[in-house]
């Protein structure tokens, strides 16, 4: 993967994290230790595991971190869906952030697949 590709992916992940933090500030107070906390942690886990994966020298270890990142994205996407169903934010924000999450997922999956191929 090129540096431009990796930089774009990190930029999108950062945009996603910042959206989630901003959006969850207006969630109901009773959700502070529920969906707010869980969604923030899952979303941070996406970018933090991705970055940590690149800090590792062994391809299998990198792959493990990238797969954790992808799993956190899936968890985060469910919390996005849940939050929309609960009407914690509007439909246009939902559409925007869902598209962002889908793009991150596709790019991350591409990296995982390329790394898996290089290990064969």
PDB file of N, CA and C in Angstrom:
ATOM      1  N   UNK A   1       0.838  -1.181   0.000  1.00  0.00           N
ATOM      2  CA  UNK A   1       0.000   0.000   0.000  1.00  0.00           C
ATOM      3  C   UNK A   1       0.883   1.244   0.000  1.00  0.00           C
ATOM      4  N   UNK A   2       0.486   2.220  -0.762  1.00  0.00           N
ATOM      5  CA  UNK A   2       1.257   3.457  -0.837  1.00  0.00           C
ATOM      6  C   UNK A   2       1.049   4.297   0.425  1.00  0.00           C
ATOM      7  N   UNK A   3       1.981   5.195   0.665  1.00  0.00           N
ATOM      8  CA  UNK A   3       1.857   6.095   1.815  1.00  0.00           C
ATOM      9  C   UNK A   3       0.627   6.983   1.684  1.00  0.00           C
ATOM     10  N   UNK A   4       0.305   7.417   0.455  1.00  0.00           N
ATOM     11  CA  UNK A   4      -0.891   8.236   0.252  1.00  0.00           C
ATOM     12  C   UNK A   4      -2.146   7.487   0.687  1.00  0.00           C
ATOM     13  N   UNK A   5      -2.207   6.199   0.353  1.00  0.00           N
ATOM     14  CA  UNK A   5      -3.345   5.356   0.717  1.00  0.00           C
ATOM     15  C   UNK A   5      -3.441   5.249   2.239  1.00  0.00           C
ATOM     16  N   UNK A   6      -2.314   4.964   2.870  1.00  0.00           N
ATOM     17  CA  UNK A   6      -2.286   4.817   4.327  1.00  0.00           C
ATOM     18  C   UNK A   6      -2.635   6.130   5.015  1.00  0.00           C
ATOM     19  N   UNK A   7      -2.113   7.231   4.481  1.00  0.00           N
ATOM     20  CA  UNK A   7      -2.421   8.542   5.049  1.00  0.00           C
ATOM     21  C   UNK A   7      -3.909   8.862   4.925  1.00  0.00           C
ATOM     22  N   UNK A   8      -4.489   8.534   3.770  1.00  0.00           N
ATOM     23  CA  UNK A   8      -5.924   8.775   3.574  1.00  0.00           C
ATOM     24  C   UNK A   8      -6.736   7.943   4.557  1.00  0.00           C
ATOM     25  N   UNK A   9      -6.358   6.682   4.727  1.00  0.00           N
ATOM     26  CA  UNK A   9      -7.084   5.815   5.651  1.00  0.00           C
ATOM     27  C   UNK A   9      -7.001   6.359   7.073  1.00  0.00           C
ATOM     28  N   UNK A  10      -5.830   6.761   7.508  1.00  0.00           N
ATOM     29  CA  UNK A  10      -5.691   7.342   8.847  1.00  0.00           C
ATOM     30  C   UNK A  10      -6.499   8.634   8.987  1.00  0.00           C
ATOM     31  N   UNK A  11      -6.512   9.442   7.935  1.00  0.00           N
ATOM     32  CA  UNK A  11      -7.285  10.691   7.960  1.00  0.00           C
ATOM     33  C   UNK A  11      -8.780  10.399   8.108  1.00  0.00           C
ATOM     34  N   UNK A  12      -9.272   9.401   7.361  1.00  0.00           N
ATOM     35  CA  UNK A  12     -10.687   9.028   7.464  1.00  0.00           C
ATOM     36  C   UNK A  12     -11.018   8.463   8.842  1.00  0.00           C
ATOM     37  N   UNK A  13     -10.117   7.651   9.379  1.00  0.00           N
ATOM     38  CA  UNK A  13     -10.327   7.110  10.726  1.00  0.00           C
ATOM     39  C   UNK A  13     -10.384   8.236  11.752  1.00  0.00           C
ATOM     40  N   UNK A  14      -9.489   9.204  11.609  1.00  0.00           N
ATOM     41  CA  UNK A  14      -9.469  10.353  12.519  1.00  0.00           C
ATOM     42  C   UNK A  14     -10.766  11.156  12.400  1.00  0.00           C
ATOM     43  N   UNK A  15     -11.235  11.345  11.194  1.00  0.00           N
ATOM     44  CA  UNK A  15     -12.500  12.061  10.963  1.00  0.00           C
ATOM     45  C   UNK A  15     -13.658  11.326  11.632  1.00  0.00           C
ATOM     46  N   UNK A  16     -13.642  10.001  11.536  1.00  0.00           N
ATOM     47  CA  UNK A  16     -14.687   9.180  12.150  1.00  0.00           C
ATOM     48  C   UNK A  16     -14.659   9.306  13.673  1.00  0.00           C
ATOM     49  N   UNK A  17     -13.481   9.204  14.249  1.00  0.00           N
ATOM     50  CA  UNK A  17     -13.358   9.330  15.707  1.00  0.00           C
ATOM     51  C   UNK A  17     -13.868  10.692  16.169  1.00  0.00           C
ATOM     52  N   UNK A  18     -13.462  11.732  15.482  1.00  0.00           N
ATOM     53  CA  UNK A  18     -13.884  13.074  15.878  1.00  0.00           C
ATOM     54  C   UNK A  18     -15.383  13.279  15.717  1.00  0.00           C
ATOM     55  N   UNK A  19     -15.976  12.690  14.678  1.00  0.00           N
ATOM     56  CA  UNK A  19     -17.431  12.753  14.530  1.00  0.00           C
ATOM     57  C   UNK A  19     -18.112  12.096  15.730  1.00  0.00           C
ATOM     58  N   UNK A  20     -17.645  10.901  16.079  1.00  0.00           N
ATOM     59  CA  UNK A  20     -18.266  10.156  17.180  1.00  0.00           C
ATOM     60  C   UNK A  20     -18.153  10.926  18.497  1.00  0.00           C
ATOM     61  N   UNK A  21     -17.000  11.478  18.774  1.00  0.00           N
ATOM     62  CA  UNK A  21     -16.839  12.244  20.017  1.00  0.00           C
ATOM     63  C   UNK A  21     -17.757  13.458  20.034  1.00  0.00           C
ATOM     64  N   UNK A  22     -17.853  14.146  18.923  1.00  0.00           N
ATOM     65  CA  UNK A  22     -18.727  15.320  18.852  1.00  0.00           C
ATOM     66  C   UNK A  22     -20.191  14.914  18.986  1.00  0.00           C
ATOM     67  N   UNK A  23     -20.595  13.884  18.249  1.00  0.00           N
ATOM     68  CA  UNK A  23     -21.991  13.438  18.261  1.00  0.00           C
ATOM     69  C   UNK A  23     -22.419  12.940  19.637  1.00  0.00           C
ATOM     70  N   UNK A  24     -21.550  12.217  20.320  1.00  0.00           N
ATOM     71  CA  UNK A  24     -21.938  11.628  21.606  1.00  0.00           C
ATOM     72  C   UNK A  24     -22.002  12.656  22.736  1.00  0.00           C
ATOM     73  N   UNK A  25     -21.484  13.843  22.509  1.00  0.00           N
ATOM     74  CA  UNK A  25     -21.614  14.904  23.531  1.00  0.00           C
ATOM     75  C   UNK A  25     -23.077  15.271  23.765  1.00  0.00           C
ATOM     76  N   UNK A  26     -23.904  15.068  22.762  1.00  0.00           N
ATOM     77  CA  UNK A  26     -25.323  15.424  22.900  1.00  0.00           C
ATOM     78  C   UNK A  26     -26.212  14.220  23.225  1.00  0.00           C
ATOM     79  N   UNK A  27     -25.628  13.049  23.447  1.00  0.00           N
ATOM     80  CA  UNK A  27     -26.416  11.876  23.813  1.00  0.00           C
ATOM     81  C   UNK A  27     -27.019  12.085  25.198  1.00  0.00           C
ATOM     82  N   UNK A  28     -28.104  11.393  25.490  1.00  0.00           N
ATOM     83  CA  UNK A  28     -28.705  11.498  26.830  1.00  0.00           C
ATOM     84  C   UNK A  28     -27.691  11.131  27.917  1.00  0.00           C
ATOM     85  N   UNK A  29     -27.766  11.822  29.029  1.00  0.00           N
ATOM     86  CA  UNK A  29     -26.816  11.593  30.138  1.00  0.00           C
ATOM     87  C   UNK A  29     -26.857  10.154  30.646  1.00  0.00           C
ATOM     88  N   UNK A  30     -28.014   9.512  30.566  1.00  0.00           N
ATOM     89  CA  UNK A  30     -28.091   8.123  31.040  1.00  0.00           C
ATOM     90  C   UNK A  30     -27.328   7.162  30.137  1.00  0.00           C
ATOM     91  N   UNK A  31     -26.906   7.623  28.975  1.00  0.00           N
ATOM     92  CA  UNK A  31     -26.110   6.797  28.065  1.00  0.00           C
ATOM     93  C   UNK A  31     -24.606   6.970  28.266  1.00  0.00           C
ATOM     94  N   UNK A  32     -24.204   7.817  29.221  1.00  0.00           N
ATOM     95  CA  UNK A  32     -22.780   8.108  29.417  1.00  0.00           C
ATOM     96  C   UNK A  32     -21.963   6.838  29.620  1.00  0.00           C
ATOM     97  N   UNK A  33     -22.451   5.912  30.430  1.00  0.00           N
ATOM     98  CA  UNK A  33     -21.704   4.674  30.695  1.00  0.00           C
ATOM     99  C   UNK A  33     -22.198   3.511  29.846  1.00  0.00           C
ATOM    100  N   UNK A  34     -23.070   3.790  28.913  1.00  0.00           N
ATOM    101  CA  UNK A  34     -23.595   2.774  28.006  1.00  0.00           C
ATOM    102  C   UNK A  34     -23.070   2.990  26.600  1.00  0.00           C
ATOM    103  N   UNK A  35     -23.967   3.383  25.711  1.00  0.00           N
ATOM    104  CA  UNK A  35     -23.591   3.493  24.301  1.00  0.00           C
ATOM    105  C   UNK A  35     -22.552   4.584  24.046  1.00  0.00           C
ATOM    106  N   UNK A  36     -22.585   5.668  24.807  1.00  0.00           N
ATOM    107  CA  UNK A  36     -21.594   6.742  24.595  1.00  0.00           C
ATOM    108  C   UNK A  36     -20.185   6.216  24.826  1.00  0.00           C
ATOM    109  N   UNK A  37     -19.960   5.646  25.975  1.00  0.00           N
ATOM    110  CA  UNK A  37     -18.636   5.130  26.329  1.00  0.00           C
ATOM    111  C   UNK A  37     -18.215   4.005  25.392  1.00  0.00           C
ATOM    112  N   UNK A  38     -19.110   3.082  25.113  1.00  0.00           N
ATOM    113  CA  UNK A  38     -18.777   1.931  24.265  1.00  0.00           C
ATOM    114  C   UNK A  38     -18.450   2.370  22.848  1.00  0.00           C
ATOM    115  N   UNK A  39     -19.231   3.293  22.295  1.00  0.00           N
ATOM    116  CA  UNK A  39     -19.000   3.741  20.924  1.00  0.00           C
ATOM    117  C   UNK A  39     -17.676   4.500  20.825  1.00  0.00           C
ATOM    118  N   UNK A  40     -17.402   5.325  21.807  1.00  0.00           N
ATOM    119  CA  UNK A  40     -16.123   6.048  21.799  1.00  0.00           C
ATOM    120  C   UNK A  40     -14.943   5.083  21.870  1.00  0.00           C
ATOM    121  N   UNK A  41     -15.016   4.102  22.754  1.00  0.00           N
ATOM    122  CA  UNK A  41     -13.908   3.143  22.891  1.00  0.00           C
ATOM    123  C   UNK A  41     -13.728   2.309  21.631  1.00  0.00           C
ATOM    124  N   UNK A  42     -14.828   1.838  21.054  1.00  0.00           N
ATOM    125  CA  UNK A  42     -14.745   1.031  19.833  1.00  0.00           C
ATOM    126  C   UNK A  42     -14.144   1.847  18.685  1.00  0.00           C
ATOM    127  N   UNK A  43     -14.560   3.091  18.578  1.00  0.00           N
ATOM    128  CA  UNK A  43     -14.082   3.935  17.488  1.00  0.00           C
ATOM    129  C   UNK A  43     -12.602   4.275  17.661  1.00  0.00           C
ATOM    130  N   UNK A  44     -12.190   4.588  18.869  1.00  0.00           N
ATOM    131  CA  UNK A  44     -10.763   4.833  19.109  1.00  0.00           C
ATOM    132  C   UNK A  44      -9.941   3.583  18.830  1.00  0.00           C
ATOM    133  N   UNK A  45     -10.499   2.431  19.139  1.00  0.00           N
ATOM    134  CA  UNK A  45      -9.798   1.167  18.914  1.00  0.00           C
ATOM    135  C   UNK A  45      -9.487   0.944  17.435  1.00  0.00           C
ATOM    136  N   UNK A  46     -10.335   1.458  16.547  1.00  0.00           N
ATOM    137  CA  UNK A  46     -10.104   1.291  15.108  1.00  0.00           C
ATOM    138  C   UNK A  46      -8.766   1.902  14.730  1.00  0.00           C
ATOM    139  N   UNK A  47      -8.591   3.172  15.028  1.00  0.00           N
ATOM    140  CA  UNK A  47      -7.374   3.864  14.612  1.00  0.00           C
ATOM    141  C   UNK A  47      -6.168   3.476  15.460  1.00  0.00           C
ATOM    142  N   UNK A  48      -6.369   3.257  16.749  1.00  0.00           N
ATOM    143  CA  UNK A  48      -5.229   2.916  17.611  1.00  0.00           C
ATOM    144  C   UNK A  48      -4.630   1.559  17.250  1.00  0.00           C
ATOM    145  N   UNK A  49      -5.462   0.577  16.956  1.00  0.00           N
ATOM    146  CA  UNK A  49      -4.938  -0.734  16.555  1.00  0.00           C
ATOM    147  C   UNK A  49      -4.310  -0.686  15.172  1.00  0.00           C
ATOM    148  N   UNK A  50      -4.859   0.123  14.295  1.00  0.00           N
ATOM    149  CA  UNK A  50      -4.273   0.297  12.968  1.00  0.00           C
ATOM    150  C   UNK A  50      -2.867   0.899  13.092  1.00  0.00           C
ATOM    151  N   UNK A  51      -2.741   1.950  13.868  1.00  0.00           N
ATOM    152  CA  UNK A  51      -1.440   2.596  14.065  1.00  0.00           C
ATOM    153  C   UNK A  51      -0.455   1.648  14.750  1.00  0.00           C
ATOM    154  N   UNK A  52      -0.919   0.951  15.770  1.00  0.00           N
ATOM    155  CA  UNK A  52      -0.027   0.016  16.461  1.00  0.00           C
ATOM    156  C   UNK A  52       0.419  -1.112  15.531  1.00  0.00           C
ATOM    157  N   UNK A  53      -0.450  -1.548  14.646  1.00  0.00           N
ATOM    158  CA  UNK A  53      -0.078  -2.578  13.687  1.00  0.00           C
ATOM    159  C   UNK A  53       1.101  -2.155  12.830  1.00  0.00           C
ATOM    160  N   UNK A  54       1.119  -0.904  12.427  1.00  0.00           N
ATOM    161  CA  UNK A  54       2.236  -0.415  11.624  1.00  0.00           C
ATOM    162  C   UNK A  54       3.518  -0.262  12.425  1.00  0.00           C
ATOM    163  N   UNK A  55       3.409  -0.227  13.718  1.00  0.00           N
ATOM    164  CA  UNK A  55       4.608  -0.129  14.562  1.00  0.00           C
ATOM    165  C   UNK A  55       5.260  -1.492  14.760  1.00  0.00           C
ATOM    166  N   UNK A  56       4.575  -2.544  14.337  1.00  0.00           N
ATOM    167  CA  UNK A  56       5.084  -3.912  14.500  1.00  0.00           C
ATOM    168  C   UNK A  56       5.842  -4.349  13.265  1.00  0.00           C
ATOM    169  N   UNK A  57       6.888  -5.104  13.464  1.00  0.00           N
ATOM    170  CA  UNK A  57       7.745  -5.530  12.351  1.00  0.00           C
ATOM    171  C   UNK A  57       7.297  -6.836  11.710  1.00  0.00           C
ATOM    172  N   UNK A  58       6.670  -7.694  12.468  1.00  0.00           N
ATOM    173  CA  UNK A  58       6.279  -9.004  11.944  1.00  0.00           C
ATOM    174  C   UNK A  58       4.901  -8.921  11.285  1.00  0.00           C
ATOM    175  N   UNK A  59       4.812  -9.461  10.082  1.00  0.00           N
ATOM    176  CA  UNK A  59       3.575  -9.379   9.301  1.00  0.00           C
ATOM    177  C   UNK A  59       2.385 -10.028   9.997  1.00  0.00           C
ATOM    178  N   UNK A  60       2.613 -11.168  10.654  1.00  0.00           N
ATOM    179  CA  UNK A  60       1.503 -11.830  11.351  1.00  0.00           C
ATOM    180  C   UNK A  60       0.983 -10.982  12.510  1.00  0.00           C
ATOM    181  N   UNK A  61       1.876 -10.292  13.166  1.00  0.00           N
ATOM    182  CA  UNK A  61       1.468  -9.418  14.273  1.00  0.00           C
ATOM    183  C   UNK A  61       0.710  -8.210  13.712  1.00  0.00           C
ATOM    184  N   UNK A  62       1.209  -7.658  12.614  1.00  0.00           N
ATOM    185  CA  UNK A  62       0.505  -6.560  11.948  1.00  0.00           C
ATOM    186  C   UNK A  62      -0.910  -6.991  11.577  1.00  0.00           C
ATOM    187  N   UNK A  63      -1.017  -8.158  10.970  1.00  0.00           N
ATOM    188  CA  UNK A  63      -2.312  -8.676  10.550  1.00  0.00           C
ATOM    189  C   UNK A  63      -3.265  -8.778  11.736  1.00  0.00           C
ATOM    190  N   UNK A  64      -2.777  -9.258  12.854  1.00  0.00           N
ATOM    191  CA  UNK A  64      -3.602  -9.371  14.051  1.00  0.00           C
ATOM    192  C   UNK A  64      -4.162  -8.008  14.464  1.00  0.00           C
ATOM    193  N   UNK A  65      -3.305  -6.991  14.489  1.00  0.00           N
ATOM    194  CA  UNK A  65      -3.770  -5.654  14.871  1.00  0.00           C
ATOM    195  C   UNK A  65      -4.769  -5.099  13.858  1.00  0.00           C
ATOM    196  N   UNK A  66      -4.538  -5.333  12.568  1.00  0.00           N
ATOM    197  CA  UNK A  66      -5.463  -4.848  11.548  1.00  0.00           C
ATOM    198  C   UNK A  66      -6.817  -5.542  11.664  1.00  0.00           C
ATOM    199  N   UNK A  67      -6.793  -6.829  12.003  1.00  0.00           N
ATOM    200  CA  UNK A  67      -8.059  -7.552  12.180  1.00  0.00           C
ATOM    201  C   UNK A  67      -8.811  -7.061  13.420  1.00  0.00           C
ATOM    202  N   UNK A  68      -8.091  -6.729  14.468  1.00  0.00           N
ATOM    203  CA  UNK A  68      -8.738  -6.142  15.656  1.00  0.00           C
ATOM    204  C   UNK A  68      -9.363  -4.804  15.281  1.00  0.00           C
ATOM    205  N   UNK A  69      -8.631  -4.013  14.512  1.00  0.00           N
ATOM    206  CA  UNK A  69      -9.139  -2.728  14.044  1.00  0.00           C
ATOM    207  C   UNK A  69     -10.435  -2.921  13.252  1.00  0.00           C
ATOM    208  N   UNK A  70     -10.443  -3.909  12.364  1.00  0.00           N
ATOM    209  CA  UNK A  70     -11.627  -4.183  11.550  1.00  0.00           C
ATOM    210  C   UNK A  70     -12.800  -4.646  12.425  1.00  0.00           C
ATOM    211  N   UNK A  71     -12.519  -5.475  13.407  1.00  0.00           N
ATOM    212  CA  UNK A  71     -13.570  -5.916  14.329  1.00  0.00           C
ATOM    213  C   UNK A  71     -14.152  -4.752  15.113  1.00  0.00           C
ATOM    214  N   UNK A  72     -13.306  -3.835  15.529  1.00  0.00           N
ATOM    215  CA  UNK A  72     -13.779  -2.647  16.241  1.00  0.00           C
ATOM    216  C   UNK A  72     -14.642  -1.778  15.334  1.00  0.00           C
ATOM    217  N   UNK A  73     -14.294  -1.722  14.060  1.00  0.00           N
ATOM    218  CA  UNK A  73     -15.120  -0.969  13.106  1.00  0.00           C
ATOM    219  C   UNK A  73     -16.516  -1.586  13.031  1.00  0.00           C
ATOM    220  N   UNK A  74     -16.594  -2.902  12.959  1.00  0.00           N
ATOM    221  CA  UNK A  74     -17.898  -3.570  12.891  1.00  0.00           C
ATOM    222  C   UNK A  74     -18.723  -3.285  14.158  1.00  0.00           C
ATOM    223  N   UNK A  75     -18.068  -3.328  15.313  1.00  0.00           N
ATOM    224  CA  UNK A  75     -18.744  -3.007  16.576  1.00  0.00           C
ATOM    225  C   UNK A  75     -19.249  -1.567  16.535  1.00  0.00           C
ATOM    226  N   UNK A  76     -18.398  -0.672  16.090  1.00  0.00           N
ATOM    227  CA  UNK A  76     -18.742   0.737  16.014  1.00  0.00           C
ATOM    228  C   UNK A  76     -19.901   0.986  15.061  1.00  0.00           C
ATOM    229  N   UNK A  77     -19.928   0.262  13.943  1.00  0.00           N
ATOM    230  CA  UNK A  77     -21.016   0.436  12.983  1.00  0.00           C
ATOM    231  C   UNK A  77     -22.356  -0.006  13.575  1.00  0.00           C
ATOM    232  N   UNK A  78     -22.343  -1.054  14.399  1.00  0.00           N
ATOM    233  CA  UNK A  78     -23.607  -1.425  15.041  1.00  0.00           C
ATOM    234  C   UNK A  78     -24.059  -0.319  15.995  1.00  0.00           C
ATOM    235  N   UNK A  79     -23.122   0.245  16.752  1.00  0.00           N
ATOM    236  CA  UNK A  79     -23.483   1.324  17.675  1.00  0.00           C
ATOM    237  C   UNK A  79     -23.981   2.554  16.919  1.00  0.00           C
ATOM    238  N   UNK A  80     -23.461   2.782  15.733  1.00  0.00           N
ATOM    239  CA  UNK A  80     -23.967   3.849  14.875  1.00  0.00           C
ATOM    240  C   UNK A  80     -25.428   3.573  14.517  1.00  0.00           C
ATOM    241  N   UNK A  81     -25.705   2.361  14.078  1.00  0.00           N
ATOM    242  CA  UNK A  81     -27.067   1.950  13.736  1.00  0.00           C
ATOM    243  C   UNK A  81     -27.994   2.085  14.951  1.00  0.00           C
ATOM    244  N   UNK A  82     -27.543   1.582  16.089  1.00  0.00           N
ATOM    245  CA  UNK A  82     -28.323   1.640  17.324  1.00  0.00           C
ATOM    246  C   UNK A  82     -28.633   3.091  17.701  1.00  0.00           C
ATOM    247  N   UNK A  83     -27.617   3.935  17.630  1.00  0.00           N
ATOM    248  CA  UNK A  83     -27.792   5.345  18.001  1.00  0.00           C
ATOM    249  C   UNK A  83     -28.770   6.049  17.069  1.00  0.00           C
ATOM    250  N   UNK A  84     -28.748   5.693  15.815  1.00  0.00           N
ATOM    251  CA  UNK A  84     -29.703   6.273  14.874  1.00  0.00           C
ATOM    252  C   UNK A  84     -31.117   5.811  15.194  1.00  0.00           C
ATOM    253  N   UNK A  85     -31.283   4.526  15.482  1.00  0.00           N
ATOM    254  CA  UNK A  85     -32.610   3.996  15.826  1.00  0.00           C
ATOM    255  C   UNK A  85     -33.170   4.661  17.093  1.00  0.00           C
ATOM    256  N   UNK A  86     -32.270   5.001  18.005  1.00  0.00           N
ATOM    257  CA  UNK A  86     -32.686   5.658  19.248  1.00  0.00           C
ATOM    258  C   UNK A  86     -32.905   7.164  19.062  1.00  0.00           C
ATOM    259  N   UNK A  87     -32.665   7.635  17.832  1.00  0.00           N
ATOM    260  CA  UNK A  87     -32.842   9.049  17.478  1.00  0.00           C
ATOM    261  C   UNK A  87     -31.895   9.960  18.266  1.00  0.00           C
ATOM    262  N   UNK A  88     -30.667   9.472  18.504  1.00  0.00           N
ATOM    263  CA  UNK A  88     -29.661  10.281  19.192  1.00  0.00           C
ATOM    264  C   UNK A  88     -29.054  11.339  18.279  1.00  0.00           C
ATOM    265  N   UNK A  89     -29.216  11.167  16.975  1.00  0.00           N
ATOM    266  CA  UNK A  89     -28.807  12.187  16.013  1.00  0.00           C
ATOM    267  C   UNK A  89     -29.648  12.054  14.751  1.00  0.00           C
ATOM    268  N   UNK A  90     -29.509  13.005  13.838  1.00  0.00           N
ATOM    269  CA  UNK A  90     -30.408  13.045  12.684  1.00  0.00           C
ATOM    270  C   UNK A  90     -29.964  12.121  11.549  1.00  0.00           C
ATOM    271  N   UNK A  91     -30.879  11.917  10.604  1.00  0.00           N
ATOM    272  CA  UNK A  91     -30.640  10.980   9.506  1.00  0.00           C
ATOM    273  C   UNK A  91     -29.532  11.436   8.563  1.00  0.00           C
ATOM    274  N   UNK A  92     -29.371  12.734   8.370  1.00  0.00           N
ATOM    275  CA  UNK A  92     -28.306  13.190   7.467  1.00  0.00           C
ATOM    276  C   UNK A  92     -26.939  12.925   8.079  1.00  0.00           C
ATOM    277  N   UNK A  93     -26.794  13.111   9.403  1.00  0.00           N
ATOM    278  CA  UNK A  93     -25.529  12.760  10.062  1.00  0.00           C
ATOM    279  C   UNK A  93     -25.285  11.255   9.976  1.00  0.00           C
ATOM    280  N   UNK A  94     -26.362  10.481  10.136  1.00  0.00           N
ATOM    281  CA  UNK A  94     -26.243   9.027  10.027  1.00  0.00           C
ATOM    282  C   UNK A  94     -25.733   8.622   8.639  1.00  0.00           C
ATOM    283  N   UNK A  95     -26.316   9.182   7.605  1.00  0.00           N
ATOM    284  CA  UNK A  95     -25.908   8.851   6.240  1.00  0.00           C
ATOM    285  C   UNK A  95     -24.442   9.224   6.004  1.00  0.00           C
ATOM    286  N   UNK A  96     -24.055  10.386   6.488  1.00  0.00           N
ATOM    287  CA  UNK A  96     -22.670  10.849   6.320  1.00  0.00           C
ATOM    288  C   UNK A  96     -21.686   9.904   7.008  1.00  0.00           C
ATOM    289  N   UNK A  97     -21.941   9.595   8.270  1.00  0.00           N
ATOM    290  CA  UNK A  97     -20.973   8.793   9.025  1.00  0.00           C
ATOM    291  C   UNK A  97     -21.014   7.327   8.611  1.00  0.00           C
ATOM    292  N   UNK A  98     -22.155   6.839   8.152  1.00  0.00           N
ATOM    293  CA  UNK A  98     -22.223   5.470   7.639  1.00  0.00           C
ATOM    294  C   UNK A  98     -21.362   5.340   6.381  1.00  0.00           C
ATOM    295  N   UNK A  99     -21.452   6.311   5.500  1.00  0.00           N
ATOM    296  CA  UNK A  99     -20.621   6.303   4.288  1.00  0.00           C
ATOM    297  C   UNK A  99     -19.135   6.341   4.665  1.00  0.00           C
ATOM    298  N   UNK A 100     -18.801   7.140   5.635  1.00  0.00           N
ATOM    299  CA  UNK A 100     -17.418   7.229   6.113  1.00  0.00           C
ATOM    300  C   UNK A 100     -16.951   5.881   6.667  1.00  0.00           C
ATOM    301  N   UNK A 101     -17.779   5.246   7.479  1.00  0.00           N
ATOM    302  CA  UNK A 101     -17.437   3.940   8.049  1.00  0.00           C
ATOM    303  C   UNK A 101     -17.292   2.879   6.959  1.00  0.00           C
ATOM    304  N   UNK A 102     -18.150   2.925   5.961  1.00  0.00           N
ATOM    305  CA  UNK A 102     -18.068   1.968   4.853  1.00  0.00           C
ATOM    306  C   UNK A 102     -16.759   2.140   4.084  1.00  0.00           C
ATOM    307  N   UNK A 103     -16.358   3.374   3.856  1.00  0.00           N
ATOM    308  CA  UNK A 103     -15.108   3.630   3.140  1.00  0.00           C
ATOM    309  C   UNK A 103     -13.908   3.143   3.952  1.00  0.00           C
ATOM    310  N   UNK A 104     -13.932   3.398   5.239  1.00  0.00           N
ATOM    311  CA  UNK A 104     -12.861   2.916   6.115  1.00  0.00           C
ATOM    312  C   UNK A 104     -12.806   1.390   6.063  1.00  0.00           C
ATOM    313  N   UNK A 105     -13.955   0.752   6.164  1.00  0.00           N
ATOM    314  CA  UNK A 105     -14.009  -0.702   6.142  1.00  0.00           C
ATOM    315  C   UNK A 105     -13.451  -1.285   4.859  1.00  0.00           C
ATOM    316  N   UNK A 106     -13.806  -0.699   3.726  1.00  0.00           N
ATOM    317  CA  UNK A 106     -13.310  -1.192   2.438  1.00  0.00           C
ATOM    318  C   UNK A 106     -11.795  -1.030   2.337  1.00  0.00           C
ATOM    319  N   UNK A 107     -11.295   0.116   2.770  1.00  0.00           N
ATOM    320  CA  UNK A 107      -9.856   0.361   2.693  1.00  0.00           C
ATOM    321  C   UNK A 107      -9.090  -0.552   3.649  1.00  0.00           C
ATOM    322  N   UNK A 108      -9.610  -0.719   4.852  1.00  0.00           N
ATOM    323  CA  UNK A 108      -8.950  -1.580   5.836  1.00  0.00           C
ATOM    324  C   UNK A 108      -8.969  -3.032   5.365  1.00  0.00           C
ATOM    325  N   UNK A 109     -10.085  -3.471   4.794  1.00  0.00           N
ATOM    326  CA  UNK A 109     -10.182  -4.840   4.276  1.00  0.00           C
ATOM    327  C   UNK A 109      -9.181  -5.061   3.147  1.00  0.00           C
ATOM    328  N   UNK A 110      -8.983  -4.059   2.317  1.00  0.00           N
ATOM    329  CA  UNK A 110      -7.998  -4.142   1.235  1.00  0.00           C
ATOM    330  C   UNK A 110      -6.600  -4.358   1.812  1.00  0.00           C
ATOM    331  N   UNK A 111      -6.277  -3.634   2.867  1.00  0.00           N
ATOM    332  CA  UNK A 111      -4.962  -3.801   3.503  1.00  0.00           C
ATOM    333  C   UNK A 111      -4.819  -5.182   4.125  1.00  0.00           C
ATOM    334  N   UNK A 112      -5.862  -5.648   4.783  1.00  0.00           N
ATOM    335  CA  UNK A 112      -5.827  -6.981   5.399  1.00  0.00           C
ATOM    336  C   UNK A 112      -5.622  -8.047   4.321  1.00  0.00           C
ATOM    337  N   UNK A 113      -6.370  -7.942   3.239  1.00  0.00           N
ATOM    338  CA  UNK A 113      -6.262  -8.919   2.148  1.00  0.00           C
ATOM    339  C   UNK A 113      -4.878  -8.918   1.516  1.00  0.00           C
ATOM    340  N   UNK A 114      -4.317  -7.732   1.300  1.00  0.00           N
ATOM    341  CA  UNK A 114      -2.973  -7.626   0.713  1.00  0.00           C
ATOM    342  C   UNK A 114      -1.930  -8.227   1.642  1.00  0.00           C
ATOM    343  N   UNK A 115      -2.066  -7.995   2.918  1.00  0.00           N
ATOM    344  CA  UNK A 115      -1.117  -8.547   3.887  1.00  0.00           C
ATOM    345  C   UNK A 115      -1.231 -10.068   3.948  1.00  0.00           C
ATOM    346  N   UNK A 116      -2.469 -10.566   3.909  1.00  0.00           N
ATOM    347  CA  UNK A 116      -2.666 -12.024   3.899  1.00  0.00           C
ATOM    348  C   UNK A 116      -2.029 -12.657   2.672  1.00  0.00           C
ATOM    349  N   UNK A 117      -2.179 -12.036   1.515  1.00  0.00           N
ATOM    350  CA  UNK A 117      -1.564 -12.560   0.289  1.00  0.00           C
ATOM    351  C   UNK A 117      -0.057 -12.604   0.404  1.00  0.00           C
ATOM    352  N   UNK A 118       0.533 -11.589   1.014  1.00  0.00           N
ATOM    353  CA  UNK A 118       1.993 -11.535   1.129  1.00  0.00           C
ATOM    354  C   UNK A 118       2.521 -12.602   2.070  1.00  0.00           C
ATOM    355  N   UNK A 119       1.672 -13.152   2.927  1.00  0.00           N
ATOM    356  CA  UNK A 119       2.092 -14.177   3.878  1.00  0.00           C
ATOM    357  C   UNK A 119       2.035 -15.587   3.282  1.00  0.00           C
ATOM    358  N   UNK A 120       1.419 -15.725   2.122  1.00  0.00           N
ATOM    359  CA  UNK A 120       1.253 -17.052   1.506  1.00  0.00           C
ATOM    360  C   UNK A 120       2.469 -17.416   0.679  1.00  0.00           C
TER     361      UNK A 120
END
